[in-house]
Amino acid sequence: MKNKRFIGILLTIAVLLCIPLIAMQFTSEVVWTLSDFIIAGILLLGTGIVIEVVARNIRSKKARIVMIIGTLMVLFLVWAEMAVGIFGSPIAGS
């Protein structure tokens, strides 16, 4: 069961990373480099692993939901910062 969930996480990441890869074939508005794919993969894999650890180790349903939502919020904020620089930090590339 543990391996099936990890394989599910990896497959989900692969599918999500295929979206910009396919979009790059049809439009010039999506321009990702290899480093963009690597960083996105690391962010998604890290988030998937954290959520898996939370789901396995936190028994309280309410606490589990709060921690998973918090993890997803951190992912979205980091992703948005790296994409458009909403906070103006050095990781925004500007």
N, C-alpha and C. Protein backbone atom coordinates (compact mmCIF):
# COMPACT_ATOMS: atom_id res chain seq x y z
N MET A 1 0.83 -1.20 0.00
CA MET A 1 0.00 0.00 0.00
C MET A 1 0.87 1.26 0.00
N LYS A 2 1.97 1.24 0.77
CA LYS A 2 2.83 2.41 0.85
C LYS A 2 3.47 2.71 -0.50
N ASN A 3 3.90 1.67 -1.20
CA ASN A 3 4.51 1.88 -2.50
C ASN A 3 3.50 2.36 -3.53
N LYS A 4 2.26 1.89 -3.42
CA LYS A 4 1.23 2.32 -4.37
C LYS A 4 0.96 3.82 -4.23
N ARG A 5 0.93 4.30 -3.00
CA ARG A 5 0.69 5.74 -2.81
C ARG A 5 1.87 6.56 -3.31
N PHE A 6 3.08 6.08 -3.08
CA PHE A 6 4.25 6.80 -3.57
C PHE A 6 4.29 6.81 -5.09
N ILE A 7 3.94 5.69 -5.70
CA ILE A 7 3.87 5.63 -7.17
C ILE A 7 2.77 6.58 -7.67
N GLY A 8 1.67 6.66 -6.94
CA GLY A 8 0.60 7.60 -7.29
C GLY A 8 1.08 9.04 -7.23
N ILE A 9 1.87 9.36 -6.21
CA ILE A 9 2.44 10.71 -6.09
C ILE A 9 3.33 11.00 -7.29
N LEU A 10 4.21 10.05 -7.63
CA LEU A 10 5.12 10.25 -8.76
C LEU A 10 4.37 10.39 -10.08
N LEU A 11 3.32 9.58 -10.27
CA LEU A 11 2.53 9.68 -11.51
C LEU A 11 1.79 11.01 -11.59
N THR A 12 1.28 11.48 -10.46
CA THR A 12 0.60 12.77 -10.44
C THR A 12 1.56 13.89 -10.80
N ILE A 13 2.76 13.83 -10.26
CA ILE A 13 3.77 14.84 -10.58
C ILE A 13 4.11 14.80 -12.06
N ALA A 14 4.26 13.60 -12.61
CA ALA A 14 4.57 13.47 -14.04
C ALA A 14 3.46 14.06 -14.90
N VAL A 15 2.22 13.80 -14.54
CA VAL A 15 1.10 14.34 -15.30
C VAL A 15 1.07 15.86 -15.20
N LEU A 16 1.28 16.39 -13.99
CA LEU A 16 1.28 17.84 -13.83
C LEU A 16 2.41 18.50 -14.61
N LEU A 17 3.56 17.87 -14.66
CA LEU A 17 4.67 18.45 -15.41
C LEU A 17 4.50 18.29 -16.92
N CYS A 18 3.65 17.39 -17.34
CA CYS A 18 3.37 17.25 -18.77
C CYS A 18 2.52 18.40 -19.30
N ILE A 19 1.77 19.04 -18.43
CA ILE A 19 0.90 20.14 -18.86
C ILE A 19 1.71 21.28 -19.49
N PRO A 20 2.72 21.84 -18.79
CA PRO A 20 3.51 22.89 -19.47
C PRO A 20 4.34 22.36 -20.63
N LEU A 21 4.77 21.11 -20.55
CA LEU A 21 5.54 20.53 -21.64
C LEU A 21 4.70 20.48 -22.92
N ILE A 22 3.47 20.06 -22.80
CA ILE A 22 2.56 20.01 -23.96
C ILE A 22 2.21 21.42 -24.41
N ALA A 23 1.95 22.32 -23.44
CA ALA A 23 1.60 23.69 -23.80
C ALA A 23 2.72 24.38 -24.57
N MET A 24 3.96 24.04 -24.26
CA MET A 24 5.10 24.62 -24.97
C MET A 24 5.11 24.25 -26.45
N GLN A 25 4.49 23.12 -26.78
CA GLN A 25 4.46 22.68 -28.17
C GLN A 25 3.47 23.48 -29.01
N PHE A 26 2.49 24.12 -28.35
CA PHE A 26 1.42 24.79 -29.08
C PHE A 26 1.43 26.31 -28.98
N THR A 27 2.15 26.85 -28.01
CA THR A 27 2.15 28.30 -27.85
C THR A 27 3.53 28.78 -27.43
N SER A 28 3.82 30.01 -27.79
CA SER A 28 5.10 30.59 -27.39
C SER A 28 5.00 31.31 -26.05
N GLU A 29 3.82 31.33 -25.46
CA GLU A 29 3.62 32.01 -24.18
C GLU A 29 4.12 31.19 -23.00
N VAL A 30 4.23 29.89 -23.18
CA VAL A 30 4.76 29.02 -22.13
C VAL A 30 6.20 28.68 -22.50
N VAL A 31 7.13 29.17 -21.71
CA VAL A 31 8.55 28.95 -21.99
C VAL A 31 9.20 28.48 -20.69
N TRP A 32 9.34 27.18 -20.54
CA TRP A 32 9.99 26.60 -19.36
C TRP A 32 11.33 26.04 -19.79
N THR A 33 12.32 26.22 -18.94
CA THR A 33 13.63 25.62 -19.18
C THR A 33 13.73 24.33 -18.37
N LEU A 34 14.81 23.61 -18.56
CA LEU A 34 15.02 22.38 -17.80
C LEU A 34 15.02 22.66 -16.30
N SER A 35 15.63 23.77 -15.91
CA SER A 35 15.67 24.10 -14.48
C SER A 35 14.27 24.37 -13.94
N ASP A 36 13.38 24.94 -14.74
CA ASP A 36 12.00 25.14 -14.30
C ASP A 36 11.32 23.82 -14.01
N PHE A 37 11.52 22.84 -14.88
CA PHE A 37 10.93 21.52 -14.67
C PHE A 37 11.52 20.84 -13.44
N ILE A 38 12.82 20.99 -13.24
CA ILE A 38 13.46 20.36 -12.08
C ILE A 38 12.95 20.98 -10.79
N ILE A 39 12.90 22.30 -10.74
CA ILE A 39 12.43 22.98 -9.53
C ILE A 39 10.97 22.66 -9.26
N ALA A 40 10.14 22.66 -10.29
CA ALA A 40 8.73 22.32 -10.11
C ALA A 40 8.59 20.88 -9.62
N GLY A 41 9.38 19.98 -10.16
CA GLY A 41 9.35 18.59 -9.71
C GLY A 41 9.75 18.45 -8.26
N ILE A 42 10.78 19.18 -7.85
CA ILE A 42 11.23 19.13 -6.45
C ILE A 42 10.15 19.69 -5.53
N LEU A 43 9.54 20.81 -5.91
CA LEU A 43 8.47 21.39 -5.10
C LEU A 43 7.29 20.43 -4.97
N LEU A 44 6.88 19.85 -6.09
CA LEU A 44 5.74 18.93 -6.05
C LEU A 44 6.06 17.65 -5.29
N LEU A 45 7.25 17.11 -5.48
CA LEU A 45 7.64 15.91 -4.76
C LEU A 45 7.73 16.17 -3.26
N GLY A 46 8.33 17.29 -2.89
CA GLY A 46 8.41 17.64 -1.48
C GLY A 46 7.04 17.80 -0.85
N THR A 47 6.14 18.45 -1.56
CA THR A 47 4.77 18.62 -1.06
C THR A 47 4.07 17.27 -0.94
N GLY A 48 4.23 16.42 -1.93
CA GLY A 48 3.60 15.10 -1.88
C GLY A 48 4.11 14.27 -0.72
N ILE A 49 5.41 14.33 -0.48
CA ILE A 49 5.99 13.56 0.63
C ILE A 49 5.51 14.11 1.97
N VAL A 50 5.48 15.43 2.11
CA VAL A 50 5.01 16.03 3.37
C VAL A 50 3.55 15.64 3.63
N ILE A 51 2.72 15.70 2.60
CA ILE A 51 1.32 15.33 2.77
C ILE A 51 1.19 13.85 3.13
N GLU A 52 2.00 13.01 2.51
CA GLU A 52 1.97 11.58 2.83
C GLU A 52 2.38 11.33 4.27
N VAL A 53 3.42 12.00 4.74
CA VAL A 53 3.87 11.85 6.13
C VAL A 53 2.79 12.33 7.09
N VAL A 54 2.18 13.45 6.77
CA VAL A 54 1.09 13.97 7.62
C VAL A 54 -0.07 12.98 7.65
N ALA A 55 -0.44 12.47 6.49
CA ALA A 55 -1.57 11.53 6.42
C ALA A 55 -1.30 10.25 7.21
N ARG A 56 -0.06 9.82 7.25
CA ARG A 56 0.29 8.59 7.96
C ARG A 56 0.41 8.79 9.47
N ASN A 57 0.93 9.93 9.89
CA ASN A 57 1.32 10.10 11.29
C ASN A 57 0.36 10.91 12.15
N ILE A 58 -0.47 11.74 11.57
CA ILE A 58 -1.39 12.56 12.35
C ILE A 58 -2.73 11.84 12.44
N ARG A 59 -3.14 11.53 13.65
CA ARG A 59 -4.37 10.74 13.85
C ARG A 59 -5.63 11.60 13.86
N SER A 60 -5.54 12.80 14.38
CA SER A 60 -6.71 13.67 14.44
C SER A 60 -7.05 14.17 13.04
N LYS A 61 -8.30 13.92 12.64
CA LYS A 61 -8.71 14.30 11.29
C LYS A 61 -8.64 15.81 11.10
N LYS A 62 -9.05 16.55 12.11
CA LYS A 62 -9.04 18.00 12.01
C LYS A 62 -7.60 18.53 11.86
N ALA A 63 -6.69 18.01 12.67
CA ALA A 63 -5.29 18.44 12.59
C ALA A 63 -4.68 18.05 11.25
N ARG A 64 -5.03 16.86 10.76
CA ARG A 64 -4.52 16.40 9.47
C ARG A 64 -4.96 17.33 8.35
N ILE A 65 -6.22 17.71 8.36
CA ILE A 65 -6.75 18.60 7.31
C ILE A 65 -6.06 19.96 7.38
N VAL A 66 -5.91 20.49 8.59
CA VAL A 66 -5.26 21.80 8.75
C VAL A 66 -3.82 21.75 8.25
N MET A 67 -3.10 20.70 8.58
CA MET A 67 -1.69 20.59 8.15
C MET A 67 -1.57 20.40 6.65
N ILE A 68 -2.46 19.65 6.05
CA ILE A 68 -2.43 19.45 4.60
C ILE A 68 -2.76 20.76 3.88
N ILE A 69 -3.78 21.48 4.36
CA ILE A 69 -4.12 22.77 3.76
C ILE A 69 -2.96 23.75 3.91
N GLY A 70 -2.32 23.76 5.08
CA GLY A 70 -1.16 24.62 5.28
C GLY A 70 -0.02 24.28 4.34
N THR A 71 0.22 23.00 4.14
CA THR A 71 1.27 22.56 3.22
C THR A 71 0.96 23.01 1.79
N LEU A 72 -0.28 22.86 1.38
CA LEU A 72 -0.66 23.29 0.02
C LEU A 72 -0.57 24.81 -0.13
N MET A 73 -0.92 25.55 0.93
CA MET A 73 -0.80 27.00 0.87
C MET A 73 0.66 27.43 0.71
N VAL A 74 1.55 26.77 1.43
CA VAL A 74 2.98 27.08 1.29
C VAL A 74 3.43 26.78 -0.14
N LEU A 75 3.02 25.64 -0.69
CA LEU A 75 3.37 25.31 -2.08
C LEU A 75 2.89 26.40 -3.03
N PHE A 76 1.63 26.80 -2.91
CA PHE A 76 1.08 27.80 -3.82
C PHE A 76 1.77 29.15 -3.67
N LEU A 77 2.10 29.54 -2.44
CA LEU A 77 2.79 30.81 -2.23
C LEU A 77 4.20 30.79 -2.80
N VAL A 78 4.93 29.71 -2.59
CA VAL A 78 6.28 29.60 -3.15
C VAL A 78 6.20 29.58 -4.68
N TRP A 79 5.25 28.82 -5.22
CA TRP A 79 5.09 28.74 -6.68
C TRP A 79 4.77 30.12 -7.26
N ALA A 80 3.84 30.84 -6.63
CA ALA A 80 3.48 32.17 -7.12
C ALA A 80 4.65 33.13 -7.01
N GLU A 81 5.40 33.05 -5.92
CA GLU A 81 6.57 33.92 -5.77
C GLU A 81 7.60 33.63 -6.86
N MET A 82 7.83 32.38 -7.14
CA MET A 82 8.81 32.03 -8.18
C MET A 82 8.30 32.39 -9.57
N ALA A 83 6.99 32.37 -9.76
CA ALA A 83 6.42 32.66 -11.09
C ALA A 83 6.37 34.15 -11.38
N VAL A 84 5.84 34.93 -10.44
CA VAL A 84 5.62 36.35 -10.73
C VAL A 84 6.21 37.29 -9.69
N GLY A 85 6.75 36.78 -8.59
CA GLY A 85 7.38 37.63 -7.61
C GLY A 85 6.42 38.49 -6.81
N ILE A 86 5.40 37.90 -6.21
CA ILE A 86 4.40 38.67 -5.47
C ILE A 86 4.97 39.32 -4.22
N PHE A 87 6.04 38.79 -3.66
CA PHE A 87 6.64 39.35 -2.45
C PHE A 87 7.94 40.10 -2.74
N GLY A 88 8.48 39.94 -3.93
CA GLY A 88 9.72 40.61 -4.29
C GLY A 88 10.97 40.04 -3.64
N SER A 89 10.94 38.76 -3.33
CA SER A 89 12.10 38.12 -2.70
C SER A 89 13.13 37.73 -3.77
N PRO A 90 14.35 37.36 -3.35
CA PRO A 90 15.39 36.99 -4.33
C PRO A 90 15.05 35.74 -5.15
N ILE A 91 14.17 34.86 -4.66
CA ILE A 91 13.86 33.66 -5.44
C ILE A 91 12.95 33.95 -6.61
N ALA A 92 12.44 35.19 -6.68
CA ALA A 92 11.54 35.55 -7.78
C ALA A 92 12.29 35.76 -9.09
N GLY A 93 13.58 35.84 -9.03
CA GLY A 93 14.35 36.00 -10.25
C GLY A 93 14.49 37.43 -10.71
N SER A 94 14.05 38.37 -9.89
CA SER A 94 14.16 39.78 -10.29
C SER A 94 15.20 40.51 -9.49
